[in-house]
Amino acid sequence: YNAVSVSGSGKLFGQVRCATFSSA
């Protein structure tokens, strides 16, 4: 992915590759 952002509740499966990542 390019930008990955999670606001709230998120679940990632397997290997996630991205340019940027943010989680709140």
PDBML (XML) file of the C-alpha atoms, coordinates in Angstrom:
<?xml version="1.0" encoding="UTF-8" ?>
<PDBx:datablock datablockName="MODEL"
   xmlns:PDBx="http://pdbml.pdb.org/schema/pdbx-v50.xsd"
   xmlns:xsi="http://www.w3.org/2001/XMLSchema-instance"
   xsi:schemaLocation="http://pdbml.pdb.org/schema/pdbx-v50.xsd pdbx-v50.xsd">
   <PDBx:atom_siteCategory>
      <PDBx:atom_site id="1">
         <PDBx:B_iso_or_equiv>0.00</PDBx:B_iso_or_equiv>
         <PDBx:Cartn_x>0.000</PDBx:Cartn_x>
         <PDBx:Cartn_y>0.000</PDBx:Cartn_y>
         <PDBx:Cartn_z>0.000</PDBx:Cartn_z>
         <PDBx:auth_asym_id>A</PDBx:auth_asym_id>
         <PDBx:auth_atom_id>CA</PDBx:auth_atom_id>
         <PDBx:auth_comp_id>TYR</PDBx:auth_comp_id>
         <PDBx:auth_seq_id>1</PDBx:auth_seq_id>
         <PDBx:group_PDB>ATOM</PDBx:group_PDB>
         <PDBx:label_alt_id xsi:nil="true" />
         <PDBx:label_asym_id>A</PDBx:label_asym_id>
         <PDBx:label_atom_id>CA</PDBx:label_atom_id>
         <PDBx:label_comp_id>TYR</PDBx:label_comp_id>
         <PDBx:label_entity_id>1</PDBx:label_entity_id>
         <PDBx:label_seq_id>1</PDBx:label_seq_id>
         <PDBx:occupancy>1.00</PDBx:occupancy>
         <PDBx:pdbx_PDB_model_num>1</PDBx:pdbx_PDB_model_num>
         <PDBx:type_symbol>C</PDBx:type_symbol>
      </PDBx:atom_site>
      <PDBx:atom_site id="2">
         <PDBx:B_iso_or_equiv>0.00</PDBx:B_iso_or_equiv>
         <PDBx:Cartn_x>0.918</PDBx:Cartn_x>
         <PDBx:Cartn_y>3.653</PDBx:Cartn_y>
         <PDBx:Cartn_z>-0.104</PDBx:Cartn_z>
         <PDBx:auth_asym_id>A</PDBx:auth_asym_id>
         <PDBx:auth_atom_id>CA</PDBx:auth_atom_id>
         <PDBx:auth_comp_id>ASN</PDBx:auth_comp_id>
         <PDBx:auth_seq_id>2</PDBx:auth_seq_id>
         <PDBx:group_PDB>ATOM</PDBx:group_PDB>
         <PDBx:label_alt_id xsi:nil="true" />
         <PDBx:label_asym_id>A</PDBx:label_asym_id>
         <PDBx:label_atom_id>CA</PDBx:label_atom_id>
         <PDBx:label_comp_id>ASN</PDBx:label_comp_id>
         <PDBx:label_entity_id>1</PDBx:label_entity_id>
         <PDBx:label_seq_id>2</PDBx:label_seq_id>
         <PDBx:occupancy>1.00</PDBx:occupancy>
         <PDBx:pdbx_PDB_model_num>1</PDBx:pdbx_PDB_model_num>
         <PDBx:type_symbol>C</PDBx:type_symbol>
      </PDBx:atom_site>
      <PDBx:atom_site id="3">
         <PDBx:B_iso_or_equiv>0.00</PDBx:B_iso_or_equiv>
         <PDBx:Cartn_x>-0.355</PDBx:Cartn_x>
         <PDBx:Cartn_y>5.257</PDBx:Cartn_y>
         <PDBx:Cartn_z>3.124</PDBx:Cartn_z>
         <PDBx:auth_asym_id>A</PDBx:auth_asym_id>
         <PDBx:auth_atom_id>CA</PDBx:auth_atom_id>
         <PDBx:auth_comp_id>ALA</PDBx:auth_comp_id>
         <PDBx:auth_seq_id>3</PDBx:auth_seq_id>
         <PDBx:group_PDB>ATOM</PDBx:group_PDB>
         <PDBx:label_alt_id xsi:nil="true" />
         <PDBx:label_asym_id>A</PDBx:label_asym_id>
         <PDBx:label_atom_id>CA</PDBx:label_atom_id>
         <PDBx:label_comp_id>ALA</PDBx:label_comp_id>
         <PDBx:label_entity_id>1</PDBx:label_entity_id>
         <PDBx:label_seq_id>3</PDBx:label_seq_id>
         <PDBx:occupancy>1.00</PDBx:occupancy>
         <PDBx:pdbx_PDB_model_num>1</PDBx:pdbx_PDB_model_num>
         <PDBx:type_symbol>C</PDBx:type_symbol>
      </PDBx:atom_site>
      <PDBx:atom_site id="4">
         <PDBx:B_iso_or_equiv>0.00</PDBx:B_iso_or_equiv>
         <PDBx:Cartn_x>-1.976</PDBx:Cartn_x>
         <PDBx:Cartn_y>3.031</PDBx:Cartn_y>
         <PDBx:Cartn_z>5.751</PDBx:Cartn_z>
         <PDBx:auth_asym_id>A</PDBx:auth_asym_id>
         <PDBx:auth_atom_id>CA</PDBx:auth_atom_id>
         <PDBx:auth_comp_id>VAL</PDBx:auth_comp_id>
         <PDBx:auth_seq_id>4</PDBx:auth_seq_id>
         <PDBx:group_PDB>ATOM</PDBx:group_PDB>
         <PDBx:label_alt_id xsi:nil="true" />
         <PDBx:label_asym_id>A</PDBx:label_asym_id>
         <PDBx:label_atom_id>CA</PDBx:label_atom_id>
         <PDBx:label_comp_id>VAL</PDBx:label_comp_id>
         <PDBx:label_entity_id>1</PDBx:label_entity_id>
         <PDBx:label_seq_id>4</PDBx:label_seq_id>
         <PDBx:occupancy>1.00</PDBx:occupancy>
         <PDBx:pdbx_PDB_model_num>1</PDBx:pdbx_PDB_model_num>
         <PDBx:type_symbol>C</PDBx:type_symbol>
      </PDBx:atom_site>
      <PDBx:atom_site id="5">
         <PDBx:B_iso_or_equiv>0.00</PDBx:B_iso_or_equiv>
         <PDBx:Cartn_x>-3.905</PDBx:Cartn_x>
         <PDBx:Cartn_y>4.663</PDBx:Cartn_y>
         <PDBx:Cartn_z>8.573</PDBx:Cartn_z>
         <PDBx:auth_asym_id>A</PDBx:auth_asym_id>
         <PDBx:auth_atom_id>CA</PDBx:auth_atom_id>
         <PDBx:auth_comp_id>SER</PDBx:auth_comp_id>
         <PDBx:auth_seq_id>5</PDBx:auth_seq_id>
         <PDBx:group_PDB>ATOM</PDBx:group_PDB>
         <PDBx:label_alt_id xsi:nil="true" />
         <PDBx:label_asym_id>A</PDBx:label_asym_id>
         <PDBx:label_atom_id>CA</PDBx:label_atom_id>
         <PDBx:label_comp_id>SER</PDBx:label_comp_id>
         <PDBx:label_entity_id>1</PDBx:label_entity_id>
         <PDBx:label_seq_id>5</PDBx:label_seq_id>
         <PDBx:occupancy>1.00</PDBx:occupancy>
         <PDBx:pdbx_PDB_model_num>1</PDBx:pdbx_PDB_model_num>
         <PDBx:type_symbol>C</PDBx:type_symbol>
      </PDBx:atom_site>
      <PDBx:atom_site id="6">
         <PDBx:B_iso_or_equiv>0.00</PDBx:B_iso_or_equiv>
         <PDBx:Cartn_x>-6.001</PDBx:Cartn_x>
         <PDBx:Cartn_y>3.205</PDBx:Cartn_y>
         <PDBx:Cartn_z>11.373</PDBx:Cartn_z>
         <PDBx:auth_asym_id>A</PDBx:auth_asym_id>
         <PDBx:auth_atom_id>CA</PDBx:auth_atom_id>
         <PDBx:auth_comp_id>VAL</PDBx:auth_comp_id>
         <PDBx:auth_seq_id>6</PDBx:auth_seq_id>
         <PDBx:group_PDB>ATOM</PDBx:group_PDB>
         <PDBx:label_alt_id xsi:nil="true" />
         <PDBx:label_asym_id>A</PDBx:label_asym_id>
         <PDBx:label_atom_id>CA</PDBx:label_atom_id>
         <PDBx:label_comp_id>VAL</PDBx:label_comp_id>
         <PDBx:label_entity_id>1</PDBx:label_entity_id>
         <PDBx:label_seq_id>6</PDBx:label_seq_id>
         <PDBx:occupancy>1.00</PDBx:occupancy>
         <PDBx:pdbx_PDB_model_num>1</PDBx:pdbx_PDB_model_num>
         <PDBx:type_symbol>C</PDBx:type_symbol>
      </PDBx:atom_site>
      <PDBx:atom_site id="7">
         <PDBx:B_iso_or_equiv>0.00</PDBx:B_iso_or_equiv>
         <PDBx:Cartn_x>-8.327</PDBx:Cartn_x>
         <PDBx:Cartn_y>5.349</PDBx:Cartn_y>
         <PDBx:Cartn_z>13.446</PDBx:Cartn_z>
         <PDBx:auth_asym_id>A</PDBx:auth_asym_id>
         <PDBx:auth_atom_id>CA</PDBx:auth_atom_id>
         <PDBx:auth_comp_id>SER</PDBx:auth_comp_id>
         <PDBx:auth_seq_id>7</PDBx:auth_seq_id>
         <PDBx:group_PDB>ATOM</PDBx:group_PDB>
         <PDBx:label_alt_id xsi:nil="true" />
         <PDBx:label_asym_id>A</PDBx:label_asym_id>
         <PDBx:label_atom_id>CA</PDBx:label_atom_id>
         <PDBx:label_comp_id>SER</PDBx:label_comp_id>
         <PDBx:label_entity_id>1</PDBx:label_entity_id>
         <PDBx:label_seq_id>7</PDBx:label_seq_id>
         <PDBx:occupancy>1.00</PDBx:occupancy>
         <PDBx:pdbx_PDB_model_num>1</PDBx:pdbx_PDB_model_num>
         <PDBx:type_symbol>C</PDBx:type_symbol>
      </PDBx:atom_site>
      <PDBx:atom_site id="8">
         <PDBx:B_iso_or_equiv>0.00</PDBx:B_iso_or_equiv>
         <PDBx:Cartn_x>-10.286</PDBx:Cartn_x>
         <PDBx:Cartn_y>3.293</PDBx:Cartn_y>
         <PDBx:Cartn_z>15.933</PDBx:Cartn_z>
         <PDBx:auth_asym_id>A</PDBx:auth_asym_id>
         <PDBx:auth_atom_id>CA</PDBx:auth_atom_id>
         <PDBx:auth_comp_id>GLY</PDBx:auth_comp_id>
         <PDBx:auth_seq_id>8</PDBx:auth_seq_id>
         <PDBx:group_PDB>ATOM</PDBx:group_PDB>
         <PDBx:label_alt_id xsi:nil="true" />
         <PDBx:label_asym_id>A</PDBx:label_asym_id>
         <PDBx:label_atom_id>CA</PDBx:label_atom_id>
         <PDBx:label_comp_id>GLY</PDBx:label_comp_id>
         <PDBx:label_entity_id>1</PDBx:label_entity_id>
         <PDBx:label_seq_id>8</PDBx:label_seq_id>
         <PDBx:occupancy>1.00</PDBx:occupancy>
         <PDBx:pdbx_PDB_model_num>1</PDBx:pdbx_PDB_model_num>
         <PDBx:type_symbol>C</PDBx:type_symbol>
      </PDBx:atom_site>
      <PDBx:atom_site id="9">
         <PDBx:B_iso_or_equiv>0.00</PDBx:B_iso_or_equiv>
         <PDBx:Cartn_x>-9.793</PDBx:Cartn_x>
         <PDBx:Cartn_y>-0.469</PDBx:Cartn_y>
         <PDBx:Cartn_z>15.774</PDBx:Cartn_z>
         <PDBx:auth_asym_id>A</PDBx:auth_asym_id>
         <PDBx:auth_atom_id>CA</PDBx:auth_atom_id>
         <PDBx:auth_comp_id>SER</PDBx:auth_comp_id>
         <PDBx:auth_seq_id>9</PDBx:auth_seq_id>
         <PDBx:group_PDB>ATOM</PDBx:group_PDB>
         <PDBx:label_alt_id xsi:nil="true" />
         <PDBx:label_asym_id>A</PDBx:label_asym_id>
         <PDBx:label_atom_id>CA</PDBx:label_atom_id>
         <PDBx:label_comp_id>SER</PDBx:label_comp_id>
         <PDBx:label_entity_id>1</PDBx:label_entity_id>
         <PDBx:label_seq_id>9</PDBx:label_seq_id>
         <PDBx:occupancy>1.00</PDBx:occupancy>
         <PDBx:pdbx_PDB_model_num>1</PDBx:pdbx_PDB_model_num>
         <PDBx:type_symbol>C</PDBx:type_symbol>
      </PDBx:atom_site>
      <PDBx:atom_site id="10">
         <PDBx:B_iso_or_equiv>0.00</PDBx:B_iso_or_equiv>
         <PDBx:Cartn_x>-7.912</PDBx:Cartn_x>
         <PDBx:Cartn_y>-2.195</PDBx:Cartn_y>
         <PDBx:Cartn_z>12.966</PDBx:Cartn_z>
         <PDBx:auth_asym_id>A</PDBx:auth_asym_id>
         <PDBx:auth_atom_id>CA</PDBx:auth_atom_id>
         <PDBx:auth_comp_id>GLY</PDBx:auth_comp_id>
         <PDBx:auth_seq_id>10</PDBx:auth_seq_id>
         <PDBx:group_PDB>ATOM</PDBx:group_PDB>
         <PDBx:label_alt_id xsi:nil="true" />
         <PDBx:label_asym_id>A</PDBx:label_asym_id>
         <PDBx:label_atom_id>CA</PDBx:label_atom_id>
         <PDBx:label_comp_id>GLY</PDBx:label_comp_id>
         <PDBx:label_entity_id>1</PDBx:label_entity_id>
         <PDBx:label_seq_id>10</PDBx:label_seq_id>
         <PDBx:occupancy>1.00</PDBx:occupancy>
         <PDBx:pdbx_PDB_model_num>1</PDBx:pdbx_PDB_model_num>
         <PDBx:type_symbol>C</PDBx:type_symbol>
      </PDBx:atom_site>
      <PDBx:atom_site id="11">
         <PDBx:B_iso_or_equiv>0.00</PDBx:B_iso_or_equiv>
         <PDBx:Cartn_x>-6.551</PDBx:Cartn_x>
         <PDBx:Cartn_y>-5.635</PDBx:Cartn_y>
         <PDBx:Cartn_z>12.266</PDBx:Cartn_z>
         <PDBx:auth_asym_id>A</PDBx:auth_asym_id>
         <PDBx:auth_atom_id>CA</PDBx:auth_atom_id>
         <PDBx:auth_comp_id>LYS</PDBx:auth_comp_id>
         <PDBx:auth_seq_id>11</PDBx:auth_seq_id>
         <PDBx:group_PDB>ATOM</PDBx:group_PDB>
         <PDBx:label_alt_id xsi:nil="true" />
         <PDBx:label_asym_id>A</PDBx:label_asym_id>
         <PDBx:label_atom_id>CA</PDBx:label_atom_id>
         <PDBx:label_comp_id>LYS</PDBx:label_comp_id>
         <PDBx:label_entity_id>1</PDBx:label_entity_id>
         <PDBx:label_seq_id>11</PDBx:label_seq_id>
         <PDBx:occupancy>1.00</PDBx:occupancy>
         <PDBx:pdbx_PDB_model_num>1</PDBx:pdbx_PDB_model_num>
         <PDBx:type_symbol>C</PDBx:type_symbol>
      </PDBx:atom_site>
      <PDBx:atom_site id="12">
         <PDBx:B_iso_or_equiv>0.00</PDBx:B_iso_or_equiv>
         <PDBx:Cartn_x>-3.763</PDBx:Cartn_x>
         <PDBx:Cartn_y>-6.361</PDBx:Cartn_y>
         <PDBx:Cartn_z>9.758</PDBx:Cartn_z>
         <PDBx:auth_asym_id>A</PDBx:auth_asym_id>
         <PDBx:auth_atom_id>CA</PDBx:auth_atom_id>
         <PDBx:auth_comp_id>LEU</PDBx:auth_comp_id>
         <PDBx:auth_seq_id>12</PDBx:auth_seq_id>
         <PDBx:group_PDB>ATOM</PDBx:group_PDB>
         <PDBx:label_alt_id xsi:nil="true" />
         <PDBx:label_asym_id>A</PDBx:label_asym_id>
         <PDBx:label_atom_id>CA</PDBx:label_atom_id>
         <PDBx:label_comp_id>LEU</PDBx:label_comp_id>
         <PDBx:label_entity_id>1</PDBx:label_entity_id>
         <PDBx:label_seq_id>12</PDBx:label_seq_id>
         <PDBx:occupancy>1.00</PDBx:occupancy>
         <PDBx:pdbx_PDB_model_num>1</PDBx:pdbx_PDB_model_num>
         <PDBx:type_symbol>C</PDBx:type_symbol>
      </PDBx:atom_site>
      <PDBx:atom_site id="13">
         <PDBx:B_iso_or_equiv>0.00</PDBx:B_iso_or_equiv>
         <PDBx:Cartn_x>-3.461</PDBx:Cartn_x>
         <PDBx:Cartn_y>-9.803</PDBx:Cartn_y>
         <PDBx:Cartn_z>8.178</PDBx:Cartn_z>
         <PDBx:auth_asym_id>A</PDBx:auth_asym_id>
         <PDBx:auth_atom_id>CA</PDBx:auth_atom_id>
         <PDBx:auth_comp_id>PHE</PDBx:auth_comp_id>
         <PDBx:auth_seq_id>13</PDBx:auth_seq_id>
         <PDBx:group_PDB>ATOM</PDBx:group_PDB>
         <PDBx:label_alt_id xsi:nil="true" />
         <PDBx:label_asym_id>A</PDBx:label_asym_id>
         <PDBx:label_atom_id>CA</PDBx:label_atom_id>
         <PDBx:label_comp_id>PHE</PDBx:label_comp_id>
         <PDBx:label_entity_id>1</PDBx:label_entity_id>
         <PDBx:label_seq_id>13</PDBx:label_seq_id>
         <PDBx:occupancy>1.00</PDBx:occupancy>
         <PDBx:pdbx_PDB_model_num>1</PDBx:pdbx_PDB_model_num>
         <PDBx:type_symbol>C</PDBx:type_symbol>
      </PDBx:atom_site>
      <PDBx:atom_site id="14">
         <PDBx:B_iso_or_equiv>0.00</PDBx:B_iso_or_equiv>
         <PDBx:Cartn_x>-0.212</PDBx:Cartn_x>
         <PDBx:Cartn_y>-11.323</PDBx:Cartn_y>
         <PDBx:Cartn_z>6.927</PDBx:Cartn_z>
         <PDBx:auth_asym_id>A</PDBx:auth_asym_id>
         <PDBx:auth_atom_id>CA</PDBx:auth_atom_id>
         <PDBx:auth_comp_id>GLY</PDBx:auth_comp_id>
         <PDBx:auth_seq_id>14</PDBx:auth_seq_id>
         <PDBx:group_PDB>ATOM</PDBx:group_PDB>
         <PDBx:label_alt_id xsi:nil="true" />
         <PDBx:label_asym_id>A</PDBx:label_asym_id>
         <PDBx:label_atom_id>CA</PDBx:label_atom_id>
         <PDBx:label_comp_id>GLY</PDBx:label_comp_id>
         <PDBx:label_entity_id>1</PDBx:label_entity_id>
         <PDBx:label_seq_id>14</PDBx:label_seq_id>
         <PDBx:occupancy>1.00</PDBx:occupancy>
         <PDBx:pdbx_PDB_model_num>1</PDBx:pdbx_PDB_model_num>
         <PDBx:type_symbol>C</PDBx:type_symbol>
      </PDBx:atom_site>
      <PDBx:atom_site id="15">
         <PDBx:B_iso_or_equiv>0.00</PDBx:B_iso_or_equiv>
         <PDBx:Cartn_x>2.653</PDBx:Cartn_x>
         <PDBx:Cartn_y>-9.106</PDBx:Cartn_y>
         <PDBx:Cartn_z>5.773</PDBx:Cartn_z>
         <PDBx:auth_asym_id>A</PDBx:auth_asym_id>
         <PDBx:auth_atom_id>CA</PDBx:auth_atom_id>
         <PDBx:auth_comp_id>GLN</PDBx:auth_comp_id>
         <PDBx:auth_seq_id>15</PDBx:auth_seq_id>
         <PDBx:group_PDB>ATOM</PDBx:group_PDB>
         <PDBx:label_alt_id xsi:nil="true" />
         <PDBx:label_asym_id>A</PDBx:label_asym_id>
         <PDBx:label_atom_id>CA</PDBx:label_atom_id>
         <PDBx:label_comp_id>GLN</PDBx:label_comp_id>
         <PDBx:label_entity_id>1</PDBx:label_entity_id>
         <PDBx:label_seq_id>15</PDBx:label_seq_id>
         <PDBx:occupancy>1.00</PDBx:occupancy>
         <PDBx:pdbx_PDB_model_num>1</PDBx:pdbx_PDB_model_num>
         <PDBx:type_symbol>C</PDBx:type_symbol>
      </PDBx:atom_site>
      <PDBx:atom_site id="16">
         <PDBx:B_iso_or_equiv>0.00</PDBx:B_iso_or_equiv>
         <PDBx:Cartn_x>1.668</PDBx:Cartn_x>
         <PDBx:Cartn_y>-5.497</PDBx:Cartn_y>
         <PDBx:Cartn_z>5.197</PDBx:Cartn_z>
         <PDBx:auth_asym_id>A</PDBx:auth_asym_id>
         <PDBx:auth_atom_id>CA</PDBx:auth_atom_id>
         <PDBx:auth_comp_id>VAL</PDBx:auth_comp_id>
         <PDBx:auth_seq_id>16</PDBx:auth_seq_id>
         <PDBx:group_PDB>ATOM</PDBx:group_PDB>
         <PDBx:label_alt_id xsi:nil="true" />
         <PDBx:label_asym_id>A</PDBx:label_asym_id>
         <PDBx:label_atom_id>CA</PDBx:label_atom_id>
         <PDBx:label_comp_id>VAL</PDBx:label_comp_id>
         <PDBx:label_entity_id>1</PDBx:label_entity_id>
         <PDBx:label_seq_id>16</PDBx:label_seq_id>
         <PDBx:occupancy>1.00</PDBx:occupancy>
         <PDBx:pdbx_PDB_model_num>1</PDBx:pdbx_PDB_model_num>
         <PDBx:type_symbol>C</PDBx:type_symbol>
      </PDBx:atom_site>
      <PDBx:atom_site id="17">
         <PDBx:B_iso_or_equiv>0.00</PDBx:B_iso_or_equiv>
         <PDBx:Cartn_x>4.091</PDBx:Cartn_x>
         <PDBx:Cartn_y>-3.295</PDBx:Cartn_y>
         <PDBx:Cartn_z>3.221</PDBx:Cartn_z>
         <PDBx:auth_asym_id>A</PDBx:auth_asym_id>
         <PDBx:auth_atom_id>CA</PDBx:auth_atom_id>
         <PDBx:auth_comp_id>ARG</PDBx:auth_comp_id>
         <PDBx:auth_seq_id>17</PDBx:auth_seq_id>
         <PDBx:group_PDB>ATOM</PDBx:group_PDB>
         <PDBx:label_alt_id xsi:nil="true" />
         <PDBx:label_asym_id>A</PDBx:label_asym_id>
         <PDBx:label_atom_id>CA</PDBx:label_atom_id>
         <PDBx:label_comp_id>ARG</PDBx:label_comp_id>
         <PDBx:label_entity_id>1</PDBx:label_entity_id>
         <PDBx:label_seq_id>17</PDBx:label_seq_id>
         <PDBx:occupancy>1.00</PDBx:occupancy>
         <PDBx:pdbx_PDB_model_num>1</PDBx:pdbx_PDB_model_num>
         <PDBx:type_symbol>C</PDBx:type_symbol>
      </PDBx:atom_site>
      <PDBx:atom_site id="18">
         <PDBx:B_iso_or_equiv>0.00</PDBx:B_iso_or_equiv>
         <PDBx:Cartn_x>3.500</PDBx:Cartn_x>
         <PDBx:Cartn_y>0.416</PDBx:Cartn_y>
         <PDBx:Cartn_z>2.936</PDBx:Cartn_z>
         <PDBx:auth_asym_id>A</PDBx:auth_asym_id>
         <PDBx:auth_atom_id>CA</PDBx:auth_atom_id>
         <PDBx:auth_comp_id>CYS</PDBx:auth_comp_id>
         <PDBx:auth_seq_id>18</PDBx:auth_seq_id>
         <PDBx:group_PDB>ATOM</PDBx:group_PDB>
         <PDBx:label_alt_id xsi:nil="true" />
         <PDBx:label_asym_id>A</PDBx:label_asym_id>
         <PDBx:label_atom_id>CA</PDBx:label_atom_id>
         <PDBx:label_comp_id>CYS</PDBx:label_comp_id>
         <PDBx:label_entity_id>1</PDBx:label_entity_id>
         <PDBx:label_seq_id>18</PDBx:label_seq_id>
         <PDBx:occupancy>1.00</PDBx:occupancy>
         <PDBx:pdbx_PDB_model_num>1</PDBx:pdbx_PDB_model_num>
         <PDBx:type_symbol>C</PDBx:type_symbol>
      </PDBx:atom_site>
      <PDBx:atom_site id="19">
         <PDBx:B_iso_or_equiv>0.00</PDBx:B_iso_or_equiv>
         <PDBx:Cartn_x>5.107</PDBx:Cartn_x>
         <PDBx:Cartn_y>3.813</PDBx:Cartn_y>
         <PDBx:Cartn_z>2.394</PDBx:Cartn_z>
         <PDBx:auth_asym_id>A</PDBx:auth_asym_id>
         <PDBx:auth_atom_id>CA</PDBx:auth_atom_id>
         <PDBx:auth_comp_id>ALA</PDBx:auth_comp_id>
         <PDBx:auth_seq_id>19</PDBx:auth_seq_id>
         <PDBx:group_PDB>ATOM</PDBx:group_PDB>
         <PDBx:label_alt_id xsi:nil="true" />
         <PDBx:label_asym_id>A</PDBx:label_asym_id>
         <PDBx:label_atom_id>CA</PDBx:label_atom_id>
         <PDBx:label_comp_id>ALA</PDBx:label_comp_id>
         <PDBx:label_entity_id>1</PDBx:label_entity_id>
         <PDBx:label_seq_id>19</PDBx:label_seq_id>
         <PDBx:occupancy>1.00</PDBx:occupancy>
         <PDBx:pdbx_PDB_model_num>1</PDBx:pdbx_PDB_model_num>
         <PDBx:type_symbol>C</PDBx:type_symbol>
      </PDBx:atom_site>
      <PDBx:atom_site id="20">
         <PDBx:B_iso_or_equiv>0.00</PDBx:B_iso_or_equiv>
         <PDBx:Cartn_x>3.772</PDBx:Cartn_x>
         <PDBx:Cartn_y>5.323</PDBx:Cartn_y>
         <PDBx:Cartn_z>5.652</PDBx:Cartn_z>
         <PDBx:auth_asym_id>A</PDBx:auth_asym_id>
         <PDBx:auth_atom_id>CA</PDBx:auth_atom_id>
         <PDBx:auth_comp_id>THR</PDBx:auth_comp_id>
         <PDBx:auth_seq_id>20</PDBx:auth_seq_id>
         <PDBx:group_PDB>ATOM</PDBx:group_PDB>
         <PDBx:label_alt_id xsi:nil="true" />
         <PDBx:label_asym_id>A</PDBx:label_asym_id>
         <PDBx:label_atom_id>CA</PDBx:label_atom_id>
         <PDBx:label_comp_id>THR</PDBx:label_comp_id>
         <PDBx:label_entity_id>1</PDBx:label_entity_id>
         <PDBx:label_seq_id>20</PDBx:label_seq_id>
         <PDBx:occupancy>1.00</PDBx:occupancy>
         <PDBx:pdbx_PDB_model_num>1</PDBx:pdbx_PDB_model_num>
         <PDBx:type_symbol>C</PDBx:type_symbol>
      </PDBx:atom_site>
      <PDBx:atom_site id="21">
         <PDBx:B_iso_or_equiv>0.00</PDBx:B_iso_or_equiv>
         <PDBx:Cartn_x>1.803</PDBx:Cartn_x>
         <PDBx:Cartn_y>3.936</PDBx:Cartn_y>
         <PDBx:Cartn_z>8.584</PDBx:Cartn_z>
         <PDBx:auth_asym_id>A</PDBx:auth_asym_id>
         <PDBx:auth_atom_id>CA</PDBx:auth_atom_id>
         <PDBx:auth_comp_id>PHE</PDBx:auth_comp_id>
         <PDBx:auth_seq_id>21</PDBx:auth_seq_id>
         <PDBx:group_PDB>ATOM</PDBx:group_PDB>
         <PDBx:label_alt_id xsi:nil="true" />
         <PDBx:label_asym_id>A</PDBx:label_asym_id>
         <PDBx:label_atom_id>CA</PDBx:label_atom_id>
         <PDBx:label_comp_id>PHE</PDBx:label_comp_id>
         <PDBx:label_entity_id>1</PDBx:label_entity_id>
         <PDBx:label_seq_id>21</PDBx:label_seq_id>
         <PDBx:occupancy>1.00</PDBx:occupancy>
         <PDBx:pdbx_PDB_model_num>1</PDBx:pdbx_PDB_model_num>
         <PDBx:type_symbol>C</PDBx:type_symbol>
      </PDBx:atom_site>
      <PDBx:atom_site id="22">
         <PDBx:B_iso_or_equiv>0.00</PDBx:B_iso_or_equiv>
         <PDBx:Cartn_x>-0.188</PDBx:Cartn_x>
         <PDBx:Cartn_y>5.549</PDBx:Cartn_y>
         <PDBx:Cartn_z>11.365</PDBx:Cartn_z>
         <PDBx:auth_asym_id>A</PDBx:auth_asym_id>
         <PDBx:auth_atom_id>CA</PDBx:auth_atom_id>
         <PDBx:auth_comp_id>SER</PDBx:auth_comp_id>
         <PDBx:auth_seq_id>22</PDBx:auth_seq_id>
         <PDBx:group_PDB>ATOM</PDBx:group_PDB>
         <PDBx:label_alt_id xsi:nil="true" />
         <PDBx:label_asym_id>A</PDBx:label_asym_id>
         <PDBx:label_atom_id>CA</PDBx:label_atom_id>
         <PDBx:label_comp_id>SER</PDBx:label_comp_id>
         <PDBx:label_entity_id>1</PDBx:label_entity_id>
         <PDBx:label_seq_id>22</PDBx:label_seq_id>
         <PDBx:occupancy>1.00</PDBx:occupancy>
         <PDBx:pdbx_PDB_model_num>1</PDBx:pdbx_PDB_model_num>
         <PDBx:type_symbol>C</PDBx:type_symbol>
      </PDBx:atom_site>
      <PDBx:atom_site id="23">
         <PDBx:B_iso_or_equiv>0.00</PDBx:B_iso_or_equiv>
         <PDBx:Cartn_x>-2.460</PDBx:Cartn_x>
         <PDBx:Cartn_y>4.108</PDBx:Cartn_y>
         <PDBx:Cartn_z>14.007</PDBx:Cartn_z>
         <PDBx:auth_asym_id>A</PDBx:auth_asym_id>
         <PDBx:auth_atom_id>CA</PDBx:auth_atom_id>
         <PDBx:auth_comp_id>SER</PDBx:auth_comp_id>
         <PDBx:auth_seq_id>23</PDBx:auth_seq_id>
         <PDBx:group_PDB>ATOM</PDBx:group_PDB>
         <PDBx:label_alt_id xsi:nil="true" />
         <PDBx:label_asym_id>A</PDBx:label_asym_id>
         <PDBx:label_atom_id>CA</PDBx:label_atom_id>
         <PDBx:label_comp_id>SER</PDBx:label_comp_id>
         <PDBx:label_entity_id>1</PDBx:label_entity_id>
         <PDBx:label_seq_id>23</PDBx:label_seq_id>
         <PDBx:occupancy>1.00</PDBx:occupancy>
         <PDBx:pdbx_PDB_model_num>1</PDBx:pdbx_PDB_model_num>
         <PDBx:type_symbol>C</PDBx:type_symbol>
      </PDBx:atom_site>
      <PDBx:atom_site id="24">
         <PDBx:B_iso_or_equiv>0.00</PDBx:B_iso_or_equiv>
         <PDBx:Cartn_x>-4.508</PDBx:Cartn_x>
         <PDBx:Cartn_y>5.893</PDBx:Cartn_y>
         <PDBx:Cartn_z>16.651</PDBx:Cartn_z>
         <PDBx:auth_asym_id>A</PDBx:auth_asym_id>
         <PDBx:auth_atom_id>CA</PDBx:auth_atom_id>
         <PDBx:auth_comp_id>ALA</PDBx:auth_comp_id>
         <PDBx:auth_seq_id>24</PDBx:auth_seq_id>
         <PDBx:group_PDB>ATOM</PDBx:group_PDB>
         <PDBx:label_alt_id xsi:nil="true" />
         <PDBx:label_asym_id>A</PDBx:label_asym_id>
         <PDBx:label_atom_id>CA</PDBx:label_atom_id>
         <PDBx:label_comp_id>ALA</PDBx:label_comp_id>
         <PDBx:label_entity_id>1</PDBx:label_entity_id>
         <PDBx:label_seq_id>24</PDBx:label_seq_id>
         <PDBx:occupancy>1.00</PDBx:occupancy>
         <PDBx:pdbx_PDB_model_num>1</PDBx:pdbx_PDB_model_num>
         <PDBx:type_symbol>C</PDBx:type_symbol>
      </PDBx:atom_site>
   </PDBx:atom_siteCategory>
</PDBx:datablock>
